[in-house]
Protein backbone atom coordinates (compact mmCIF):
# COMPACT_ATOMS: atom_id res chain seq x y z
CA UNK A 1 -245.17 -11.55 50.96
CA UNK A 2 -247.92 -9.15 49.88
CA UNK A 3 -245.79 -6.13 49.55
CA UNK A 4 -242.89 -7.90 47.96
CA UNK A 5 -244.90 -9.06 44.77
CA UNK A 6 -246.16 -5.77 45.03
CA UNK A 7 -242.81 -4.21 44.92
CA UNK A 8 -241.42 -6.96 42.02
CA UNK A 9 -244.24 -5.63 40.25
CA UNK A 10 -244.26 -2.56 40.28
CA UNK A 11 -240.00 -2.13 39.99
CA UNK A 12 -240.89 -4.22 37.04
CA UNK A 13 -243.43 -2.31 35.32
CA UNK A 14 -241.84 0.76 35.43
CA UNK A 15 -237.76 -0.83 34.57
CA UNK A 16 -235.94 0.18 31.77
CA UNK A 17 -233.17 -2.19 31.95
CA UNK A 18 -230.02 -0.23 33.20
CA UNK A 19 -230.40 3.38 31.76
CA UNK A 20 -227.13 5.90 31.28
CA UNK A 21 -227.33 7.26 34.95
CA UNK A 22 -227.07 4.15 36.81
CA UNK A 23 -224.77 2.07 34.42
CA UNK A 24 -221.74 0.92 36.07
CA UNK A 25 -218.40 0.80 34.51
CA UNK A 26 -217.67 -2.14 33.18
CA UNK A 27 -213.67 -2.13 34.25
CA UNK A 28 -214.46 -2.34 37.73
CA UNK A 29 -216.68 -5.81 37.77
CA UNK A 30 -214.76 -9.03 37.64
CA UNK A 31 -213.31 -9.55 34.57
CA UNK A 32 -214.99 -12.44 32.95
CA UNK A 33 -218.13 -10.17 33.16
CA UNK A 34 -216.66 -7.42 31.82
CA UNK A 35 -215.46 -9.23 28.87
CA UNK A 36 -219.59 -10.29 28.97
CA UNK A 37 -218.73 -13.84 29.97
CA UNK A 38 -219.98 -15.63 33.35
CA UNK A 39 -219.16 -19.66 33.50
CA UNK A 40 -221.14 -21.89 32.46
CA UNK A 41 -223.87 -22.54 35.09
CA UNK A 42 -225.16 -25.93 34.41
CA UNK A 43 -229.80 -26.02 35.50
CA UNK A 44 -230.00 -29.12 35.74
CA UNK A 45 -227.08 -29.32 38.63
CA UNK A 46 -227.86 -30.28 41.83
CA UNK A 47 -224.75 -29.18 43.73
CA UNK A 48 -225.11 -25.77 45.36
CA UNK A 49 -223.57 -22.44 44.02
CA UNK A 50 -221.29 -20.65 46.65
CA UNK A 51 -220.49 -17.02 46.50
CA UNK A 52 -218.97 -14.01 48.34
CA UNK A 53 -215.09 -13.78 46.75
CA UNK A 54 -215.08 -11.01 44.58
CA UNK A 55 -212.37 -12.38 42.41
CA UNK A 56 -214.90 -15.47 41.97
CA UNK A 57 -217.47 -16.01 40.03
CA UNK A 58 -221.42 -14.97 41.07
CA UNK A 59 -219.71 -12.39 43.25
CA UNK A 60 -222.58 -10.03 41.25
CA UNK A 61 -225.51 -11.79 44.05
CA UNK A 62 -223.58 -9.89 46.84
CA UNK A 63 -224.63 -6.41 47.88
CA UNK A 64 -220.84 -5.22 48.05
CA UNK A 65 -221.37 -6.03 44.30
CA UNK A 66 -220.67 -2.94 42.00
CA UNK A 67 -224.46 -2.15 40.94
CA UNK A 68 -226.17 1.03 41.53
CA UNK A 69 -229.26 0.70 42.20
CA UNK A 70 -232.55 3.55 41.45
CA UNK A 71 -234.50 3.79 44.63
CA UNK A 72 -237.67 6.56 45.11
CA UNK A 73 -235.22 9.22 42.30
CA UNK A 74 -232.13 8.62 44.18
CA UNK A 75 -228.79 5.98 42.74
CA UNK A 76 -227.01 4.33 45.95
CA UNK A 77 -223.21 3.57 44.87
CA UNK A 78 -224.34 -0.35 45.33
CA UNK A 79 -227.49 -3.02 47.08
CA UNK A 80 -225.62 -2.61 50.21
CA UNK A 81 -225.58 1.43 50.39
CA UNK A 82 -229.60 0.88 50.21
CA UNK A 83 -229.96 -1.46 52.39
CA UNK A 84 -228.05 0.53 54.66
CA UNK A 85 -229.48 3.68 54.33
CA UNK A 86 -232.53 2.13 55.07
CA UNK A 87 -232.71 2.15 58.34
CA UNK A 88 -232.16 6.10 58.62
CA UNK A 89 -234.59 6.49 56.06
CA UNK A 90 -237.38 7.53 58.15
CA UNK A 91 -235.79 8.31 61.45
CA UNK A 92 -232.80 10.04 60.12
CA UNK A 93 -233.57 11.11 57.14
CA UNK A 94 -229.91 13.20 56.55
CA UNK A 95 -227.66 9.96 57.68
CA UNK A 96 -229.10 7.86 55.54
CA UNK A 97 -227.96 10.36 52.06
CA UNK A 98 -224.87 10.58 53.70
CA UNK A 99 -224.34 7.10 53.69
CA UNK A 100 -225.76 6.76 50.12
CA UNK A 101 -222.40 8.63 49.07
CA UNK A 102 -220.02 7.14 50.65
CA UNK A 103 -217.88 5.39 48.28
CA UNK A 104 -217.52 2.33 49.18
CA UNK A 105 -220.28 -0.57 50.04
CA UNK A 106 -217.44 -1.33 53.07
CA UNK A 107 -218.17 2.08 54.34
CA UNK A 108 -221.58 2.42 54.04
CA UNK A 109 -222.09 -0.50 56.55
CA UNK A 110 -219.37 0.73 58.69
CA UNK A 111 -221.61 3.77 59.38
CA UNK A 112 -224.92 2.56 59.76
CA UNK A 113 -223.03 0.30 62.45
CA UNK A 114 -221.59 3.07 64.34
CA UNK A 115 -224.95 5.10 64.35
CA UNK A 116 -226.98 1.62 65.25
CA UNK A 117 -228.74 3.73 68.09
CA UNK A 118 -230.08 5.76 65.19
CA UNK A 119 -231.73 3.36 63.45
CA UNK A 120 -235.45 2.64 62.96
CA UNK A 121 -236.51 0.67 65.94
CA UNK A 122 -238.07 -1.94 64.20
CA UNK A 123 -235.05 -3.04 62.19
CA UNK A 124 -235.12 -6.21 63.47
CA UNK A 125 -238.08 -7.77 62.61
CA UNK A 126 -238.23 -5.65 58.99
CA UNK A 127 -234.52 -6.04 57.80
CA UNK A 128 -234.91 -9.41 55.29
CA UNK A 129 -237.98 -7.82 53.80
CA UNK A 130 -236.39 -4.88 52.86
CA UNK A 131 -233.45 -6.90 51.45
CA UNK A 132 -235.81 -8.30 49.63
CA UNK A 133 -237.43 -4.95 48.45
CA UNK A 134 -233.45 -3.88 47.86
CA UNK A 135 -232.87 -7.15 45.52
CA UNK A 136 -236.03 -6.39 43.46
CA UNK A 137 -234.66 -3.00 42.63
CA UNK A 138 -231.28 -4.49 41.64
CA UNK A 139 -232.30 -6.57 39.61
CA UNK A 140 -234.98 -5.12 37.42
CA UNK A 141 -232.91 -2.27 36.76
CA UNK A 142 -229.91 -4.94 35.89
CA UNK A 143 -230.47 -7.30 32.71
CA UNK A 144 -227.55 -8.88 33.05
CA UNK A 145 -228.34 -10.28 36.83
CA UNK A 146 -231.72 -11.07 36.02
CA UNK A 147 -230.34 -13.28 33.32
CA UNK A 148 -227.46 -14.65 35.63
CA UNK A 149 -229.68 -15.63 38.57
CA UNK A 150 -232.47 -17.17 35.99
CA UNK A 151 -229.64 -19.84 35.20
CA UNK A 152 -229.16 -21.06 38.09
CA UNK A 153 -232.27 -23.30 37.74
CA UNK A 154 -233.24 -24.93 40.93
CA UNK A 155 -229.71 -24.96 42.53
CA UNK A 156 -229.32 -23.64 46.54
CA UNK A 157 -227.60 -20.64 46.44
CA UNK A 158 -225.16 -19.81 48.94
CA UNK A 159 -223.53 -16.54 49.99
CA UNK A 160 -220.39 -18.43 51.48
CA UNK A 161 -219.57 -15.57 53.90
CA UNK A 162 -217.37 -16.57 56.47
CA UNK A 163 -218.46 -13.71 59.15
CA UNK A 164 -221.53 -13.46 58.88
CA UNK A 165 -223.96 -16.04 60.38
CA UNK A 166 -226.92 -14.39 59.48
CA UNK A 167 -226.59 -13.18 55.59
CA UNK A 168 -223.94 -15.81 54.65
CA UNK A 169 -223.28 -19.34 56.66
CA UNK A 170 -220.41 -18.38 58.51
CA UNK A 171 -216.85 -19.85 59.41
CA UNK A 172 -218.71 -23.37 60.66
CA UNK A 173 -220.95 -22.96 57.51
CA UNK A 174 -224.25 -23.45 59.59
CA UNK A 175 -225.20 -19.84 59.28
CA UNK A 176 -229.00 -18.61 58.16
CA UNK A 177 -228.18 -17.80 54.17
CA UNK A 178 -231.05 -15.15 54.91
CA UNK A 179 -229.02 -13.21 51.20
CA UNK A 180 -229.22 -17.00 49.52
CA UNK A 181 -232.74 -17.40 50.38
CA UNK A 182 -233.64 -13.60 49.15
CA UNK A 183 -232.03 -14.29 46.10
CA UNK A 184 -233.85 -17.90 45.91
CA UNK A 185 -237.36 -16.35 46.53
CA UNK A 186 -236.50 -13.34 43.81
CA UNK A 187 -235.21 -15.54 41.51
CA UNK A 188 -238.75 -17.85 41.71
CA UNK A 189 -240.59 -14.79 41.08
CA UNK A 190 -238.28 -14.21 37.71
CA UNK A 191 -238.67 -18.05 36.43
CA UNK A 192 -242.39 -17.31 36.87
CA UNK A 193 -242.70 -13.96 35.08
CA UNK A 194 -240.63 -16.08 31.64
CA UNK A 195 -238.32 -14.27 30.19
CA UNK A 196 -238.68 -10.22 31.01
């Protein structure tokens, strides 16, 4: 946890909001986001917020959403590209770079699955901490995302993936929701930092 907090502090202190080198095109975002609007959220509501589908509110919270992430001087097209590249950064940097250059988040995920035998040996013990680091970088670099995350108040955030029982809740709603939990940890840190 201490390294997660340290990562957030370093990322936010070095972040200059969204720079021209990693701005995403507004045309590729959901219509409400491209228009500078987002469905109203009541921070005092106790209703959970479900996110997953690209044409529905809060898709921005997914690692597949079209928000680039700069990490160690390199720009990754999405958080998913960075997350998948992390599996190989030490063991096979050329593969990590190839993943970074793939056109879509889905392709990055699929390539990492094909190369699972080459991923770092401790991946299953560090993957949640890596997601924390990836999300911290993504939200540090996009002010609109920080604002959106803070605006959810204390509502539970749930990745409504019907196919992922680890990061989401799966088709039966009984999955671990680790992405939602990671976002809520980050939100707590952002709220503790106040208006920044």
